[in-house]
């Protein structure tokens, strides 16, 4: 499965790559918890964007979800 996250800067793409290499949600959480705070903040947002992108592939996105995604991205 492939997802595309647009609008990320180079550092955020690197964080996304690290997160994508994790096999489980637990590994992702462990990775995020051990990042410096300035990276962990971006990693949490990217993680949520990844979840939303995967969910979008399998379900129709409701207005509530669209609002949540808009708040995360802004």
C-alpha atoms as a PDB file:
ATOM      1  CA  UNK A   1       0.000   0.000   0.000  1.00  0.00           C
ATOM      2  CA  UNK A   2       1.254   3.454  -0.761  1.00  0.00           C
ATOM      3  CA  UNK A   3       0.154   6.822   0.502  1.00  0.00           C
ATOM      4  CA  UNK A   4       1.182  10.296  -0.515  1.00  0.00           C
ATOM      5  CA  UNK A   5       1.517  13.183   1.907  1.00  0.00           C
ATOM      6  CA  UNK A   6       1.881  16.471   0.098  1.00  0.00           C
ATOM      7  CA  UNK A   7       3.207  19.736   1.461  1.00  0.00           C
ATOM      8  CA  UNK A   8       5.817  18.310   3.815  1.00  0.00           C
ATOM      9  CA  UNK A   9       9.266  19.823   4.014  1.00  0.00           C
ATOM     10  CA  UNK A  10      12.423  17.709   3.679  1.00  0.00           C
ATOM     11  CA  UNK A  11      12.714  17.068   7.423  1.00  0.00           C
ATOM     12  CA  UNK A  12       9.061  16.058   7.663  1.00  0.00           C
ATOM     13  CA  UNK A  13       9.480  13.638   4.745  1.00  0.00           C
ATOM     14  CA  UNK A  14      12.411  12.072   6.597  1.00  0.00           C
ATOM     15  CA  UNK A  15      10.256  11.695   9.713  1.00  0.00           C
ATOM     16  CA  UNK A  16       7.489  10.134   7.594  1.00  0.00           C
ATOM     17  CA  UNK A  17      10.012   7.655   6.168  1.00  0.00           C
ATOM     18  CA  UNK A  18      11.128   6.678   9.668  1.00  0.00           C
ATOM     19  CA  UNK A  19       7.534   6.196  10.776  1.00  0.00           C
ATOM     20  CA  UNK A  20       6.692   4.179   7.674  1.00  0.00           C
ATOM     21  CA  UNK A  21       9.551   1.769   8.455  1.00  0.00           C
ATOM     22  CA  UNK A  22       7.920   0.831  11.775  1.00  0.00           C
ATOM     23  CA  UNK A  23       6.049  -2.474  11.730  1.00  0.00           C
ATOM     24  CA  UNK A  24       3.589  -1.671  14.527  1.00  0.00           C
ATOM     25  CA  UNK A  25       1.827   1.270  16.130  1.00  0.00           C
ATOM     26  CA  UNK A  26       3.804   0.498  19.278  1.00  0.00           C
ATOM     27  CA  UNK A  27       7.083   0.927  17.401  1.00  0.00           C
ATOM     28  CA  UNK A  28       5.843   4.242  16.017  1.00  0.00           C
ATOM     29  CA  UNK A  29       4.888   5.459  19.477  1.00  0.00           C
ATOM     30  CA  UNK A  30       8.251   4.371  20.872  1.00  0.00           C
ATOM     31  CA  UNK A  31      10.074   6.192  18.074  1.00  0.00           C
ATOM     32  CA  UNK A  32       8.047   9.380  18.598  1.00  0.00           C
ATOM     33  CA  UNK A  33       8.527   9.279  22.380  1.00  0.00           C
ATOM     34  CA  UNK A  34      12.306   9.146  21.945  1.00  0.00           C
ATOM     35  CA  UNK A  35      12.593  11.997  19.431  1.00  0.00           C
ATOM     36  CA  UNK A  36      13.627  15.496  20.477  1.00  0.00           C
ATOM     37  CA  UNK A  37      10.486  17.560  21.226  1.00  0.00           C
ATOM     38  CA  UNK A  38      10.764  19.664  18.062  1.00  0.00           C
ATOM     39  CA  UNK A  39      10.733  16.498  15.918  1.00  0.00           C
ATOM     40  CA  UNK A  40       8.183  14.631  18.033  1.00  0.00           C
ATOM     41  CA  UNK A  41       5.573  17.337  17.458  1.00  0.00           C
ATOM     42  CA  UNK A  42       5.891  16.994  13.678  1.00  0.00           C
ATOM     43  CA  UNK A  43       5.996  13.196  13.992  1.00  0.00           C
ATOM     44  CA  UNK A  44       2.677  13.119  15.862  1.00  0.00           C
ATOM     45  CA  UNK A  45       1.008  15.241  13.181  1.00  0.00           C
ATOM     46  CA  UNK A  46       2.534  13.166  10.372  1.00  0.00           C
ATOM     47  CA  UNK A  47       1.408   9.973  12.113  1.00  0.00           C
ATOM     48  CA  UNK A  48      -2.157  11.292  12.233  1.00  0.00           C
ATOM     49  CA  UNK A  49      -1.950  12.308   8.566  1.00  0.00           C
ATOM     50  CA  UNK A  50      -0.761   8.814   7.669  1.00  0.00           C
ATOM     51  CA  UNK A  51      -3.690   7.267   9.519  1.00  0.00           C
ATOM     52  CA  UNK A  52      -6.124   9.634   7.813  1.00  0.00           C
ATOM     53  CA  UNK A  53      -4.629   8.901   4.388  1.00  0.00           C
ATOM     54  CA  UNK A  54      -4.960   5.148   4.884  1.00  0.00           C
ATOM     55  CA  UNK A  55      -8.497   5.502   6.204  1.00  0.00           C
ATOM     56  CA  UNK A  56      -9.374   7.668   3.225  1.00  0.00           C
ATOM     57  CA  UNK A  57      -8.418   4.816   0.919  1.00  0.00           C
ATOM     58  CA  UNK A  58     -10.943   2.476   2.548  1.00  0.00           C
ATOM     59  CA  UNK A  59     -13.826   4.668   3.660  1.00  0.00           C
ATOM     60  CA  UNK A  60     -15.728   7.657   2.493  1.00  0.00           C
ATOM     61  CA  UNK A  61     -14.621  10.692   4.482  1.00  0.00           C
ATOM     62  CA  UNK A  62     -17.390  12.417   6.407  1.00  0.00           C
ATOM     63  CA  UNK A  63     -17.571  16.163   7.065  1.00  0.00           C
ATOM     64  CA  UNK A  64     -16.405  15.618  10.666  1.00  0.00           C
ATOM     65  CA  UNK A  65     -13.289  13.807   9.483  1.00  0.00           C
ATOM     66  CA  UNK A  66     -12.647  16.491   6.848  1.00  0.00           C
ATOM     67  CA  UNK A  67     -12.835  19.140   9.604  1.00  0.00           C
ATOM     68  CA  UNK A  68     -10.394  17.157  11.760  1.00  0.00           C
ATOM     69  CA  UNK A  69      -7.949  16.751   8.881  1.00  0.00           C
ATOM     70  CA  UNK A  70      -8.191  20.473   8.126  1.00  0.00           C
ATOM     71  CA  UNK A  71      -7.394  21.332  11.751  1.00  0.00           C
ATOM     72  CA  UNK A  72      -4.416  18.947  11.808  1.00  0.00           C
ATOM     73  CA  UNK A  73      -3.014  20.341   8.566  1.00  0.00           C
ATOM     74  CA  UNK A  74      -3.317  23.992   9.546  1.00  0.00           C
END
